[in-house]
Amino acid sequence: MIICQLTQVRDLTETALQHRAIHHPYLKALASGSLPNPQSAITDFAIQYQGYTSWFPRYLNCVMNKLADPQHREYFTENLNEEQGHLDEETVQQLEEMGIKESWVQGIPHPILFRRFQSALGINPQSQILCRAAMLWRQRFRFLLEKSTPAEAIGALGLGTEAMVKHIYRYITAGIESQTSLRRRDYVFFELHSEVDDEHAELMMRVAGDFAHQSPTNLDEIRRGMVAALDLRCRFWDQMLERAEGI
């Protein structure tokens, strides 16, 4: 029965992959360099996306506090530790095999890695102002997690976010590589999350599978949280595309 529920959860991730937020025209345009001013668009992305990344530990804590199962909470503790730059030997080896040096990431909190990316683009994060779209996205996502049931929260942060990161960041990485002269070390934030968050997604799918096994209604709640998170992200991409086309 548990295997059956986990299969249903994995089917939900396939549904999520079809959502516009994952293959949005904005992402495709960043990757292809087809925006009016591709480099300025990447710079604007780097400024505005910080609004989301800087709050990510808050999202993790918010969902973790809703969980009663110690094992489920442990998964989130591992995630929070990695957000602080604490990588285990297995992860380090995987990254080294990808060409990502341990010295680039070990012991470096992820917000610092993102600021490294910004600095490489000539951005001073302290002097930048978030646009309304970025502020609304991060606030609404946090509100979504705060008001949701545990199952909805797992759907939003797990299936609708962590499981989708590698697909989204492939577009971002392609745009950076084709439109800038940044070194790989400068934008390792994205490759690191594409690798590590894939593992986090697996753990969250186990949690989602456990919830789905407990009650059939939980699967509906997981789906509801997942779609809500994707809709919020899609709305942000819509507005970022408008900004990029007006640069």
Protein backbone atom coordinates (compact mmCIF):
# COMPACT_ATOMS: atom_id res chain seq x y z
CA MET A 1 0.00 0.00 0.00
CA ILE A 2 2.83 2.40 0.86
CA ILE A 3 4.46 1.68 -2.49
CA CYS A 4 1.16 2.42 -4.19
CA GLN A 5 0.87 5.77 -2.42
CA LEU A 6 4.45 6.68 -3.28
CA THR A 7 3.67 5.91 -6.92
CA GLN A 8 0.72 8.29 -6.75
CA VAL A 9 2.99 10.96 -5.29
CA ARG A 10 5.49 10.46 -8.10
CA ASP A 11 2.64 10.77 -10.57
CA LEU A 12 1.90 14.17 -9.05
CA THR A 13 5.45 15.31 -9.77
CA GLU A 14 4.91 14.38 -13.41
CA THR A 15 1.83 16.58 -13.35
CA ALA A 16 3.89 19.39 -11.82
CA LEU A 17 6.41 19.10 -14.65
CA GLN A 18 3.67 20.06 -17.10
CA HIS A 19 2.90 23.29 -15.25
CA ARG A 20 3.73 26.54 -17.03
CA ALA A 21 5.96 27.61 -14.12
CA ILE A 22 8.51 24.92 -14.94
CA HIS A 23 9.00 25.70 -18.64
CA HIS A 24 7.86 29.31 -18.62
CA PRO A 25 8.53 31.56 -21.64
CA TYR A 26 10.61 33.78 -19.33
CA LEU A 27 12.91 30.87 -18.46
CA LYS A 28 13.21 29.82 -22.08
CA ALA A 29 14.01 33.39 -23.13
CA LEU A 30 16.69 33.72 -20.44
CA ALA A 31 18.26 30.48 -21.61
CA SER A 32 18.21 31.38 -25.31
CA GLY A 33 19.15 35.04 -24.92
CA SER A 34 16.11 36.10 -26.92
CA LEU A 35 15.09 38.97 -24.61
CA PRO A 36 15.70 42.58 -25.73
CA ASN A 37 18.68 42.94 -23.39
CA PRO A 38 19.73 39.45 -22.25
CA GLN A 39 22.51 40.51 -19.88
CA SER A 40 20.36 43.13 -18.18
CA ALA A 41 17.61 40.54 -17.82
CA ILE A 42 19.98 38.16 -16.05
CA THR A 43 21.13 40.96 -13.77
CA ASP A 44 17.53 41.82 -12.94
CA PHE A 45 16.82 38.16 -12.23
CA ALA A 46 19.83 38.03 -9.89
CA ILE A 47 18.52 41.02 -7.95
CA GLN A 48 14.88 39.96 -7.69
CA TYR A 49 15.38 36.24 -7.07
CA GLN A 50 17.30 37.05 -3.92
CA GLY A 51 13.97 37.93 -2.37
CA TYR A 52 12.99 34.27 -2.58
CA THR A 53 16.32 32.60 -1.82
CA SER A 54 16.98 34.72 1.26
CA TRP A 55 13.71 33.51 2.80
CA PHE A 56 14.12 29.83 1.96
CA PRO A 57 15.31 28.78 5.45
CA ARG A 58 12.15 30.40 6.81
CA TYR A 59 10.07 28.22 4.53
CA LEU A 60 11.88 25.10 5.69
CA ASN A 61 11.38 25.97 9.35
CA CYS A 62 7.74 26.80 8.77
CA VAL A 63 7.00 23.39 7.26
CA MET A 64 9.19 21.48 9.72
CA ASN A 65 7.26 22.97 12.62
CA LYS A 66 4.08 21.42 11.25
CA LEU A 67 5.50 17.89 11.29
CA ALA A 68 4.95 15.50 14.19
CA ASP A 69 7.02 12.55 12.93
CA PRO A 70 10.65 12.77 14.20
CA GLN A 71 11.96 11.16 11.00
CA HIS A 72 10.16 13.70 8.86
CA ARG A 73 11.59 16.52 10.95
CA GLU A 74 15.06 15.00 10.61
CA TYR A 75 14.84 15.30 6.83
CA PHE A 76 14.26 19.02 7.23
CA THR A 77 17.09 19.34 9.72
CA GLU A 78 19.42 17.82 7.11
CA ASN A 79 18.12 20.29 4.55
CA LEU A 80 18.70 23.24 6.87
CA ASN A 81 22.22 22.03 7.61
CA GLU A 82 22.99 21.91 3.91
CA GLU A 83 21.55 25.40 3.51
CA GLN A 84 24.27 26.44 5.93
CA GLY A 85 26.90 24.80 3.71
CA HIS A 86 27.43 21.59 5.67
CA LEU A 87 27.77 18.86 3.04
CA ASP A 88 28.38 15.19 3.80
CA GLU A 89 31.12 13.16 2.12
CA GLU A 90 28.74 11.44 -0.30
CA THR A 91 27.39 14.76 -1.56
CA VAL A 92 30.89 16.20 -1.85
CA GLN A 93 31.97 13.21 -3.91
CA GLN A 94 28.96 13.59 -6.21
CA LEU A 95 29.75 17.25 -6.72
CA GLU A 96 33.44 16.55 -7.36
CA GLU A 97 32.42 14.06 -10.06
CA MET A 98 30.42 16.89 -11.66
CA GLY A 99 33.49 19.13 -11.62
CA ILE A 100 32.33 21.20 -8.64
CA LYS A 101 35.18 21.62 -6.17
CA GLU A 102 34.55 21.12 -2.49
CA SER A 103 36.28 24.43 -1.70
CA TRP A 104 33.65 26.27 -3.73
CA VAL A 105 30.76 25.17 -1.50
CA GLN A 106 31.80 23.42 1.71
CA GLY A 107 31.06 25.51 4.79
CA ILE A 108 29.55 28.35 2.76
CA PRO A 109 25.89 29.18 3.52
CA HIS A 110 23.75 29.22 0.42
CA PRO A 111 22.78 32.89 0.76
CA ILE A 112 26.51 33.67 0.55
CA LEU A 113 26.78 31.57 -2.61
CA PHE A 114 23.96 33.56 -4.13
CA ARG A 115 25.65 36.83 -3.18
CA ARG A 116 28.80 35.52 -4.85
CA PHE A 117 26.75 35.14 -8.01
CA GLN A 118 25.45 38.69 -7.64
CA SER A 119 28.92 40.11 -6.98
CA ALA A 120 30.27 38.42 -10.11
CA LEU A 121 27.61 40.34 -12.05
CA GLY A 122 28.64 43.60 -10.40
CA ILE A 123 25.60 43.75 -8.12
CA ASN A 124 25.75 45.22 -4.64
CA PRO A 125 22.83 43.44 -2.93
CA GLN A 126 22.73 46.00 -0.15
CA SER A 127 21.91 48.80 -2.57
CA GLN A 128 19.24 46.97 -4.56
CA ILE A 129 15.49 47.23 -4.05
CA LEU A 130 13.16 44.31 -4.66
CA CYS A 131 10.35 44.88 -7.10
CA ARG A 132 6.74 44.45 -6.03
CA ALA A 133 6.50 41.08 -7.79
CA ALA A 134 9.42 39.64 -5.81
CA MET A 135 8.11 40.91 -2.49
CA LEU A 136 4.60 39.61 -3.14
CA TRP A 137 5.85 36.19 -4.23
CA ARG A 138 7.92 35.54 -1.14
CA GLN A 139 5.22 36.90 1.19
CA ARG A 140 2.42 34.92 -0.43
CA PHE A 141 4.46 31.74 -0.48
CA ARG A 142 5.23 32.08 3.21
CA PHE A 143 1.56 32.77 3.93
CA LEU A 144 0.62 29.69 1.90
CA LEU A 145 2.92 27.52 4.03
CA GLU A 146 1.79 29.09 7.29
CA LYS A 147 -1.94 28.58 6.68
CA SER A 148 -1.66 25.15 5.06
CA THR A 149 -2.12 21.71 6.55
CA PRO A 150 1.04 19.60 6.92
CA ALA A 151 0.13 17.67 3.76
CA GLU A 152 -0.47 20.86 1.78
CA ALA A 153 2.84 22.28 3.03
CA ILE A 154 4.72 19.19 1.86
CA GLY A 155 3.02 19.46 -1.51
CA ALA A 156 4.00 23.11 -1.82
CA LEU A 157 7.61 22.94 -0.65
CA GLY A 158 8.35 19.37 -1.69
CA LEU A 159 6.59 18.47 -4.93
CA GLY A 160 5.92 22.02 -6.09
CA THR A 161 9.35 23.41 -5.25
CA GLU A 162 12.24 21.09 -4.35
CA ALA A 163 11.29 18.47 -6.94
CA MET A 164 11.13 21.13 -9.65
CA VAL A 165 14.32 23.07 -8.93
CA LYS A 166 16.65 21.13 -11.19
CA HIS A 167 14.32 21.62 -14.16
CA ILE A 168 14.01 25.36 -13.56
CA TYR A 169 17.68 25.96 -12.84
CA ARG A 170 18.75 24.29 -16.07
CA TYR A 171 17.28 27.26 -17.92
CA ILE A 172 18.95 29.72 -15.57
CA THR A 173 22.33 28.01 -15.87
CA ALA A 174 22.06 27.91 -19.68
CA GLY A 175 21.35 31.64 -19.77
CA ILE A 176 24.27 32.47 -17.49
CA GLU A 177 26.65 30.34 -19.52
CA SER A 178 25.57 31.76 -22.87
CA GLN A 179 25.01 35.40 -21.95
CA THR A 180 27.76 36.13 -19.41
CA SER A 181 31.45 35.46 -18.90
CA LEU A 182 31.00 34.22 -15.33
CA ARG A 183 33.15 31.37 -14.09
CA ARG A 184 31.45 28.18 -13.00
CA ARG A 185 32.44 28.91 -9.41
CA ASP A 186 30.53 32.19 -9.61
CA TYR A 187 27.18 30.57 -10.34
CA VAL A 188 27.68 27.26 -8.52
CA PHE A 189 24.60 28.10 -6.42
CA PHE A 190 22.39 26.84 -9.24
CA GLU A 191 24.27 23.66 -10.04
CA LEU A 192 24.57 22.84 -6.35
CA HIS A 193 20.82 23.15 -5.87
CA SER A 194 20.11 21.15 -8.99
CA GLU A 195 22.08 18.28 -7.45
CA VAL A 196 21.34 18.58 -3.73
CA ASP A 197 17.68 19.55 -4.02
CA ASP A 198 17.07 16.44 -6.09
CA GLU A 199 18.00 14.45 -2.98
CA HIS A 200 15.81 16.67 -0.84
CA ALA A 201 12.93 16.07 -3.25
CA GLU A 202 13.30 12.32 -2.80
CA LEU A 203 13.09 12.69 0.97
CA MET A 204 10.06 14.97 0.73
CA MET A 205 8.35 12.50 -1.58
CA ARG A 206 8.81 9.87 1.13
CA VAL A 207 7.13 12.23 3.57
CA ALA A 208 4.35 12.88 1.07
CA GLY A 209 3.99 9.12 0.54
CA ASP A 210 3.61 8.63 4.29
CA PHE A 211 0.93 11.32 4.45
CA ALA A 212 -0.91 9.83 1.47
CA HIS A 213 -0.82 6.42 3.14
CA GLN A 214 -2.37 7.83 6.31
CA SER A 215 -5.44 9.24 4.57
CA PRO A 216 -6.77 9.46 1.00
CA THR A 217 -7.68 13.11 1.61
CA ASN A 218 -4.04 13.89 2.28
CA LEU A 219 -3.18 13.16 -1.35
CA ASP A 220 -5.68 15.81 -2.43
CA GLU A 221 -4.13 18.25 0.03
CA ILE A 222 -0.64 17.49 -1.29
CA ARG A 223 -1.87 18.19 -4.82
CA ARG A 224 -3.54 21.41 -3.70
CA GLY A 225 -0.38 22.70 -2.01
CA MET A 226 1.75 21.72 -5.00
CA VAL A 227 -0.45 23.55 -7.51
CA ALA A 228 -0.71 26.63 -5.29
CA ALA A 229 3.08 26.91 -5.06
CA LEU A 230 3.48 26.48 -8.80
CA ASP A 231 0.82 29.09 -9.52
CA LEU A 232 2.62 31.62 -7.31
CA ARG A 233 5.93 30.97 -9.05
CA CYS A 234 4.28 31.23 -12.45
CA ARG A 235 2.81 34.60 -11.55
CA PHE A 236 6.28 35.81 -10.58
CA TRP A 237 7.74 34.60 -13.89
CA ASP A 238 4.92 36.37 -15.76
CA GLN A 239 5.85 39.65 -14.13
CA MET A 240 9.57 39.09 -14.59
CA LEU A 241 8.98 38.52 -18.30
CA GLU A 242 7.17 41.84 -18.51
CA ARG A 243 10.11 43.54 -16.80
CA ALA A 244 12.63 41.83 -19.09
CA GLU A 245 10.74 42.82 -22.23
CA GLY A 246 10.68 46.42 -21.05
CA ILE A 247 14.40 46.70 -20.28
